[in-house]
N, C-alpha and C. Protein backbone atom coordinates (compact mmCIF):
# COMPACT_ATOMS: atom_id res chain seq x y z
N MET A 1 -41.17 198.80 88.55
CA MET A 1 -41.12 197.99 90.10
C MET A 1 -42.52 198.27 91.03
N THR A 2 -43.13 197.03 91.34
CA THR A 2 -43.91 197.37 92.29
C THR A 2 -43.30 197.42 93.55
N TYR A 3 -44.25 197.88 94.55
CA TYR A 3 -43.85 197.74 95.97
C TYR A 3 -44.76 196.84 96.71
N GLN A 4 -44.38 195.84 97.57
CA GLN A 4 -45.31 195.13 98.10
C GLN A 4 -45.43 195.25 99.77
N THR A 5 -44.02 195.68 100.35
CA THR A 5 -43.71 195.66 101.52
C THR A 5 -43.30 196.95 102.00
N ILE A 6 -43.69 197.84 102.78
CA ILE A 6 -43.11 199.07 103.20
C ILE A 6 -42.77 199.14 104.77
N LEU A 7 -41.37 199.25 104.97
CA LEU A 7 -40.90 199.45 106.41
C LEU A 7 -41.13 200.75 106.81
N VAL A 8 -41.63 200.97 107.83
CA VAL A 8 -41.56 202.20 108.35
C VAL A 8 -40.72 202.41 109.89
N PRO A 9 -39.46 202.76 109.63
CA PRO A 9 -38.76 202.54 111.30
C PRO A 9 -39.31 203.90 111.94
N ILE A 10 -39.48 203.71 113.36
CA ILE A 10 -39.99 204.99 114.23
C ILE A 10 -39.21 204.97 115.32
N ASP A 11 -39.15 205.98 116.28
CA ASP A 11 -38.36 205.83 117.50
C ASP A 11 -39.65 206.49 118.43
N GLY A 12 -40.55 206.87 118.33
CA GLY A 12 -41.58 207.33 119.15
C GLY A 12 -41.92 208.77 119.38
N SER A 13 -40.75 209.31 118.46
CA SER A 13 -40.64 210.94 118.46
C SER A 13 -41.98 211.19 117.66
N GLU A 14 -42.34 212.60 117.85
CA GLU A 14 -43.20 213.29 117.16
C GLU A 14 -43.01 213.29 115.76
N THR A 15 -41.76 213.45 115.35
CA THR A 15 -41.21 213.49 113.88
C THR A 15 -41.46 212.12 113.35
N SER A 16 -41.00 211.06 114.23
CA SER A 16 -41.23 209.93 113.44
C SER A 16 -42.57 209.48 113.23
N LEU A 17 -43.54 209.79 114.26
CA LEU A 17 -44.96 209.57 113.75
C LEU A 17 -45.56 210.74 112.80
N SER A 18 -44.99 211.84 112.49
CA SER A 18 -45.71 212.80 111.57
C SER A 18 -45.67 212.28 110.42
N ILE A 19 -45.15 211.28 109.73
CA ILE A 19 -44.85 210.77 108.49
C ILE A 19 -46.29 209.58 108.21
N ILE A 20 -46.71 209.32 109.36
CA ILE A 20 -47.85 208.44 108.99
C ILE A 20 -48.74 208.85 107.86
N PRO A 21 -49.38 210.01 107.92
CA PRO A 21 -50.16 210.31 106.94
C PRO A 21 -49.66 210.17 105.51
N HIS A 22 -48.30 210.43 105.07
CA HIS A 22 -47.60 210.23 104.08
C HIS A 22 -47.76 208.61 103.84
N VAL A 23 -47.36 207.87 104.73
CA VAL A 23 -47.20 206.54 104.22
C VAL A 23 -48.71 205.68 104.11
N VAL A 24 -49.60 206.44 104.90
CA VAL A 24 -51.05 205.85 104.40
C VAL A 24 -51.39 206.19 103.00
N GLU A 25 -51.13 207.24 102.52
CA GLU A 25 -51.44 207.65 101.04
C GLU A 25 -50.57 206.93 100.12
N PHE A 26 -49.31 206.44 100.31
CA PHE A 26 -48.48 205.58 99.59
C PHE A 26 -49.19 203.90 99.79
N ALA A 27 -49.56 203.63 100.98
CA ALA A 27 -50.05 202.22 100.94
C ALA A 27 -51.48 201.99 100.58
N LYS A 28 -52.40 203.02 100.51
CA LYS A 28 -53.48 202.82 99.86
C LYS A 28 -53.47 202.83 98.53
N ALA A 29 -52.66 203.91 97.70
CA ALA A 29 -52.09 204.19 96.46
C ALA A 29 -51.40 202.56 95.73
N LEU A 30 -50.83 202.01 96.51
CA LEU A 30 -49.85 201.09 96.14
C LEU A 30 -50.53 199.73 96.68
N ASN A 31 -51.41 199.53 97.40
CA ASN A 31 -52.31 198.50 98.08
C ASN A 31 -51.16 197.61 98.38
N CYS A 32 -50.06 197.79 99.44
CA CYS A 32 -48.95 197.12 99.95
C CYS A 32 -49.23 197.22 101.24
N LYS A 33 -48.27 196.19 101.77
CA LYS A 33 -48.41 195.86 103.41
C LYS A 33 -47.34 196.94 104.01
N VAL A 34 -47.65 197.33 105.25
CA VAL A 34 -46.87 198.37 105.68
C VAL A 34 -46.41 197.38 107.29
N ILE A 35 -45.02 197.52 107.58
CA ILE A 35 -44.59 196.93 108.77
C ILE A 35 -43.88 198.26 109.48
N VAL A 36 -44.30 198.82 110.63
CA VAL A 36 -43.68 199.55 111.53
C VAL A 36 -42.84 198.97 112.59
N ALA A 37 -41.57 199.56 112.50
CA ALA A 37 -40.75 198.93 113.60
C ALA A 37 -39.95 199.72 114.31
N GLU A 38 -39.38 199.28 115.52
CA GLU A 38 -38.48 200.16 116.34
C GLU A 38 -37.56 199.29 116.88
N VAL A 39 -36.34 199.87 116.78
CA VAL A 39 -35.05 199.07 117.06
C VAL A 39 -34.85 199.50 118.82
N MET A 40 -34.80 198.13 119.24
CA MET A 40 -34.34 198.19 120.78
C MET A 40 -32.83 197.94 120.88
N THR A 41 -31.99 199.03 120.99
CA THR A 41 -30.54 198.72 120.90
C THR A 41 -30.20 197.91 122.28
N LEU A 42 -29.38 197.12 121.98
CA LEU A 42 -28.51 196.52 123.24
C LEU A 42 -27.27 196.54 123.24
N ASP A 43 -26.78 197.21 124.33
CA ASP A 43 -25.44 197.37 124.55
C ASP A 43 -24.71 195.78 124.94
N PRO A 44 -23.59 195.47 124.17
CA PRO A 44 -23.50 194.06 124.67
C PRO A 44 -22.79 193.83 125.77
N TYR A 45 -22.31 195.06 126.63
CA TYR A 45 -21.89 194.61 127.83
C TYR A 45 -22.97 194.94 129.13
N ILE A 46 -23.94 195.61 128.43
CA ILE A 46 -25.12 195.68 129.80
C ILE A 46 -26.17 194.44 129.42
N ALA A 47 -26.32 194.06 128.26
CA ALA A 47 -27.46 193.12 127.91
C ALA A 47 -26.61 191.86 127.59
N ALA A 48 -25.74 191.26 128.15
CA ALA A 48 -24.77 190.08 127.92
C ALA A 48 -25.66 189.03 128.39
N GLU A 49 -26.14 188.91 129.56
CA GLU A 49 -27.10 187.94 129.89
C GLU A 49 -28.15 187.63 128.94
N TYR A 50 -28.79 188.57 128.69
CA TYR A 50 -30.07 188.66 127.73
C TYR A 50 -29.58 188.27 126.30
N LEU A 51 -28.70 188.65 125.89
CA LEU A 51 -28.22 188.27 124.46
C LEU A 51 -27.62 186.62 124.15
N SER A 52 -26.97 186.29 125.42
CA SER A 52 -26.37 185.04 125.27
C SER A 52 -27.54 183.87 126.11
N GLY A 53 -28.30 184.23 126.68
CA GLY A 53 -29.34 183.26 127.38
C GLY A 53 -30.71 183.84 127.23
N GLN A 54 -31.03 184.77 126.68
CA GLN A 54 -32.36 185.23 126.96
C GLN A 54 -32.70 185.54 128.20
N GLN A 55 -31.94 185.76 129.15
CA GLN A 55 -32.21 186.31 130.60
C GLN A 55 -32.53 187.87 130.70
N THR A 56 -33.82 188.31 130.64
CA THR A 56 -33.97 189.36 130.66
C THR A 56 -33.52 190.08 132.28
N ASN A 57 -33.95 191.49 132.03
CA ASN A 57 -33.67 192.25 133.28
C ASN A 57 -34.63 193.44 133.04
N MET A 58 -34.61 194.28 134.33
CA MET A 58 -35.89 195.27 134.50
C MET A 58 -35.59 196.48 133.36
N LEU A 59 -34.46 196.76 132.90
CA LEU A 59 -33.91 197.87 132.19
C LEU A 59 -34.54 197.36 130.78
N ILE A 60 -34.08 196.14 130.47
CA ILE A 60 -34.56 195.67 129.19
C ILE A 60 -36.03 195.61 128.99
N GLU A 61 -36.70 195.04 129.91
CA GLU A 61 -38.16 194.85 130.08
C GLU A 61 -38.92 196.56 129.92
N ARG A 62 -38.36 197.36 130.85
CA ARG A 62 -38.77 198.70 130.78
C ARG A 62 -38.72 199.28 129.22
N ALA A 63 -37.53 198.99 128.53
CA ALA A 63 -37.41 199.69 127.44
C ALA A 63 -38.17 198.98 126.41
N ARG A 64 -38.34 197.51 126.23
CA ARG A 64 -39.21 196.77 125.67
C ARG A 64 -40.81 197.60 125.61
N GLN A 65 -41.17 197.62 126.86
CA GLN A 65 -42.49 198.14 127.02
C GLN A 65 -42.56 199.47 126.40
N PHE A 66 -41.76 200.31 126.53
CA PHE A 66 -41.63 201.75 125.78
C PHE A 66 -42.06 201.64 124.37
N ILE A 67 -40.94 200.77 123.86
CA ILE A 67 -41.29 200.73 122.46
C ILE A 67 -42.45 199.96 122.01
N GLU A 68 -42.99 198.92 122.78
CA GLU A 68 -44.49 198.48 122.52
C GLU A 68 -45.38 199.48 122.51
N ASP A 69 -45.47 200.58 123.65
CA ASP A 69 -46.18 201.67 123.39
C ASP A 69 -46.37 202.57 122.14
N ASN A 70 -44.90 202.87 121.98
CA ASN A 70 -44.80 203.55 120.67
C ASN A 70 -45.28 202.89 119.48
N LEU A 71 -44.87 201.55 119.47
CA LEU A 71 -45.56 200.82 118.04
C LEU A 71 -47.14 200.76 118.26
N ASN A 72 -47.75 200.70 119.64
CA ASN A 72 -48.94 200.91 119.51
C ASN A 72 -49.76 201.94 119.23
N THR A 73 -48.89 203.06 119.54
CA THR A 73 -49.55 204.39 119.04
C THR A 73 -49.63 204.52 117.57
N ALA A 74 -48.47 204.13 116.90
CA ALA A 74 -48.30 204.37 115.57
C ALA A 74 -49.39 203.17 114.57
N LYS A 75 -49.53 202.10 115.26
CA LYS A 75 -50.49 201.00 114.73
C LYS A 75 -51.96 201.65 114.86
N GLN A 76 -52.21 202.48 116.02
CA GLN A 76 -53.65 203.01 116.31
C GLN A 76 -53.78 204.14 114.93
N LYS A 77 -52.70 204.93 114.83
CA LYS A 77 -52.77 205.78 113.96
C LYS A 77 -52.94 205.27 112.47
N PHE A 78 -52.46 204.35 111.99
CA PHE A 78 -52.38 203.69 110.84
C PHE A 78 -54.16 203.08 110.89
N THR A 79 -54.46 202.40 111.80
CA THR A 79 -55.82 201.79 112.00
C THR A 79 -56.83 203.05 111.89
N ASP A 80 -56.82 203.92 112.37
CA ASP A 80 -57.71 204.95 112.31
C ASP A 80 -57.84 205.33 110.91
N ALA A 81 -56.75 205.32 110.18
CA ALA A 81 -56.72 205.97 108.76
C ALA A 81 -57.02 204.94 107.69
N GLY A 82 -57.41 203.70 108.28
CA GLY A 82 -58.09 202.61 107.63
C GLY A 82 -56.86 201.62 106.91
N VAL A 83 -55.37 201.61 107.59
CA VAL A 83 -54.54 201.01 106.90
C VAL A 83 -54.26 200.05 107.81
N HIS A 84 -53.99 198.47 107.62
CA HIS A 84 -53.67 197.65 108.70
C HIS A 84 -52.37 197.45 108.45
N VAL A 85 -51.73 197.48 109.62
CA VAL A 85 -50.20 197.58 109.73
C VAL A 85 -49.57 196.44 110.81
N GLU A 86 -48.56 195.72 110.46
CA GLU A 86 -47.90 194.99 111.40
C GLU A 86 -46.74 195.69 112.28
N THR A 87 -46.54 195.11 113.42
CA THR A 87 -45.44 195.96 114.23
C THR A 87 -44.29 194.92 114.53
N GLN A 88 -43.06 195.54 114.38
CA GLN A 88 -42.10 194.54 114.78
C GLN A 88 -41.22 195.46 116.14
N ILE A 89 -40.47 194.95 116.80
CA ILE A 89 -39.60 195.04 117.62
C ILE A 89 -38.22 194.48 116.95
N LEU A 90 -37.18 195.15 116.94
CA LEU A 90 -35.95 194.79 116.14
C LEU A 90 -35.05 195.25 117.32
N GLU A 91 -34.26 194.02 117.46
CA GLU A 91 -33.21 194.10 118.36
C GLU A 91 -31.73 194.16 117.72
N GLY A 92 -31.08 194.93 118.26
CA GLY A 92 -29.45 194.97 117.86
C GLY A 92 -28.67 196.03 118.67
N GLU A 93 -27.24 196.07 118.13
CA GLU A 93 -26.33 196.95 118.68
C GLU A 93 -26.34 198.66 118.20
N SER A 94 -26.93 198.48 116.87
CA SER A 94 -26.70 199.62 116.10
C SER A 94 -28.11 199.70 115.41
N ILE A 95 -28.69 200.80 115.37
CA ILE A 95 -29.93 201.16 114.86
C ILE A 95 -29.93 200.89 113.10
N HIS A 96 -28.93 201.56 112.60
CA HIS A 96 -29.09 201.45 110.97
C HIS A 96 -28.76 199.99 110.47
N LYS A 97 -27.74 199.77 111.40
CA LYS A 97 -27.54 198.16 110.90
C LYS A 97 -28.52 197.04 111.22
N THR A 98 -29.37 197.06 112.25
CA THR A 98 -30.45 196.26 112.68
C THR A 98 -31.45 196.56 111.25
N ILE A 99 -31.88 197.91 111.03
CA ILE A 99 -32.58 198.03 110.18
C ILE A 99 -32.33 197.58 108.93
N THR A 100 -31.10 197.53 108.56
CA THR A 100 -30.56 197.04 107.36
C THR A 100 -30.77 195.40 107.27
N LYS A 101 -30.53 194.98 108.37
CA LYS A 101 -30.84 193.48 108.50
C LYS A 101 -32.24 193.17 108.35
N ALA A 102 -33.12 194.04 108.84
CA ALA A 102 -34.70 193.67 108.58
C ALA A 102 -34.99 193.74 107.46
N VAL A 103 -34.47 194.83 106.71
CA VAL A 103 -35.00 194.99 105.34
C VAL A 103 -34.66 193.65 104.54
N ASP A 104 -33.57 192.96 104.56
CA ASP A 104 -33.57 191.66 104.02
C ASP A 104 -34.28 190.53 104.59
N SER A 105 -34.35 190.45 105.88
CA SER A 105 -35.15 189.31 106.46
C SER A 105 -36.67 189.51 106.22
N LEU A 106 -37.23 190.60 106.16
CA LEU A 106 -38.49 190.92 105.96
C LEU A 106 -39.03 191.13 104.41
N ASN A 107 -38.26 191.13 103.56
CA ASN A 107 -38.45 191.29 102.28
C ASN A 107 -39.12 192.59 102.09
N ILE A 108 -38.35 193.59 102.34
CA ILE A 108 -38.80 195.03 102.18
C ILE A 108 -38.40 195.43 101.03
N ASP A 109 -39.23 196.34 100.10
CA ASP A 109 -39.34 196.74 98.93
C ASP A 109 -38.92 198.21 98.99
N LEU A 110 -39.54 198.90 99.98
CA LEU A 110 -39.36 200.27 100.01
C LEU A 110 -39.26 200.66 101.70
N VAL A 111 -38.43 201.68 102.20
CA VAL A 111 -38.30 202.32 103.08
C VAL A 111 -38.80 203.82 103.52
N ILE A 112 -39.69 203.79 104.52
CA ILE A 112 -40.25 205.43 104.57
C ILE A 112 -39.86 205.81 105.96
N LEU A 113 -38.94 206.78 106.01
CA LEU A 113 -38.75 207.09 107.38
C LEU A 113 -38.62 208.69 107.49
N SER A 114 -38.58 209.14 108.69
CA SER A 114 -38.51 210.61 109.06
C SER A 114 -37.12 211.15 109.43
N SER A 115 -37.02 212.43 109.11
CA SER A 115 -35.70 212.93 109.35
C SER A 115 -35.76 214.29 110.21
N ASN A 116 -35.02 214.58 111.15
CA ASN A 116 -35.19 216.03 111.81
C ASN A 116 -34.57 216.95 110.90
N GLY A 117 -33.62 216.76 109.90
CA GLY A 117 -33.04 217.75 109.15
C GLY A 117 -31.78 218.23 109.78
N ARG A 118 -31.30 217.37 110.56
CA ARG A 118 -30.27 218.20 111.37
C ARG A 118 -28.97 218.37 110.67
N SER A 119 -28.21 219.54 110.76
CA SER A 119 -27.09 219.58 109.88
C SER A 119 -25.96 220.16 110.51
N GLY A 120 -24.95 220.41 109.95
CA GLY A 120 -23.73 220.96 110.76
C GLY A 120 -23.15 220.18 111.82
N PHE A 121 -22.81 220.86 112.85
CA PHE A 121 -22.25 219.97 114.09
C PHE A 121 -23.33 219.10 114.70
N GLN A 122 -24.57 219.53 114.88
CA GLN A 122 -25.60 218.41 115.19
C GLN A 122 -25.38 217.38 114.70
N LYS A 123 -25.32 217.15 113.16
CA LYS A 123 -25.41 216.12 112.62
C LYS A 123 -24.05 215.26 112.90
N PHE A 124 -23.03 215.90 112.98
CA PHE A 124 -21.52 215.34 113.18
C PHE A 124 -21.63 214.65 114.25
N ILE A 125 -22.36 215.27 115.68
CA ILE A 125 -22.26 214.69 116.82
C ILE A 125 -23.38 213.57 116.95
N LEU A 126 -24.46 213.82 116.55
CA LEU A 126 -25.50 213.01 116.60
C LEU A 126 -25.53 211.86 115.56
N GLY A 127 -24.80 212.12 114.56
CA GLY A 127 -25.19 211.26 113.20
C GLY A 127 -26.32 211.11 112.88
N SER A 128 -26.56 210.16 111.65
CA SER A 128 -27.69 210.49 111.33
C SER A 128 -28.34 208.94 110.35
N VAL A 129 -29.10 208.48 111.39
CA VAL A 129 -29.48 207.42 110.91
C VAL A 129 -30.28 207.06 109.10
N ALA A 130 -30.76 208.29 109.32
CA ALA A 130 -31.37 208.42 107.61
C ALA A 130 -30.33 208.32 106.73
N GLN A 131 -29.18 209.15 107.06
CA GLN A 131 -28.32 209.28 105.96
C GLN A 131 -27.47 207.86 105.83
N LYS A 132 -27.43 207.08 106.87
CA LYS A 132 -26.63 206.09 106.71
C LYS A 132 -27.67 204.74 106.09
N LEU A 133 -28.94 205.05 106.21
CA LEU A 133 -29.67 203.96 105.43
C LEU A 133 -29.82 204.53 103.81
N VAL A 134 -29.84 205.73 103.82
CA VAL A 134 -29.97 206.06 102.32
C VAL A 134 -28.67 205.61 101.63
N THR A 135 -27.48 205.85 102.10
CA THR A 135 -26.23 205.04 101.67
C THR A 135 -26.34 203.72 101.63
N GLU A 136 -26.65 202.86 102.55
CA GLU A 136 -26.33 201.65 102.80
C GLU A 136 -27.27 200.53 102.11
N LEU A 137 -28.48 201.21 102.21
CA LEU A 137 -29.75 200.13 101.90
C LEU A 137 -29.56 199.84 100.44
N THR A 138 -30.19 198.75 99.67
CA THR A 138 -30.15 198.55 98.50
C THR A 138 -31.69 198.76 97.85
N VAL A 139 -32.46 198.78 98.90
CA VAL A 139 -33.77 199.19 98.40
C VAL A 139 -34.20 200.86 98.32
N PRO A 140 -35.19 201.11 97.58
CA PRO A 140 -35.45 202.60 97.53
C PRO A 140 -35.71 203.19 99.14
N VAL A 141 -35.25 204.13 99.33
CA VAL A 141 -35.62 204.82 100.85
C VAL A 141 -35.99 206.30 100.65
N MET A 142 -37.33 206.61 101.15
CA MET A 142 -37.94 207.77 101.00
C MET A 142 -37.67 208.46 102.49
N VAL A 143 -37.09 209.54 102.62
CA VAL A 143 -36.85 210.39 103.64
C VAL A 143 -37.97 211.63 103.54
N ILE A 144 -38.77 211.80 104.67
CA ILE A 144 -39.68 212.63 104.79
C ILE A 144 -39.07 213.99 105.97
N LYS A 145 -38.98 214.72 105.77
CA LYS A 145 -38.36 215.86 106.68
C LYS A 145 -39.46 216.26 107.41
N LYS A 146 -38.99 216.48 108.65
CA LYS A 146 -40.06 217.15 109.84
C LYS A 146 -40.37 218.46 109.23
N PRO A 147 -41.62 218.85 109.25
CA PRO A 147 -41.97 220.29 108.62
C PRO A 147 -41.70 221.25 109.75
N GLU A 148 -41.46 222.44 109.11
CA GLU A 148 -40.66 223.37 110.31
C GLU A 148 -41.89 224.16 110.86
């Protein structure tokens, strides 16, 4: 199988950005396109006007700006390493479901993401986006654990 498009979901954390050197190696070796994306989660009760009529508010715009800043930081790191990337703000109620939809709509062949490596009670309380993506996606998923 050849990989043509890699999706790299980020959240702006040090952990999510720490995988960029690994993705750069894959992108260069496989000569494939890279899309860096972050999900803007939208609570249907808080963002009802935005979801129904595209009427924004200050909270949504602040979140959008924060995400754009995160994506620009990631994009610059890729550019500095000689890899062109596209960026996407994904909108949805659930991070893993939104990423799953994006994998289909963007024709993604491979997802590379980071994980904090939480276990036990922390994982139970916080959930694991990485775990959900590994079990639900139909494309290969590479999880790079944060180095200790």
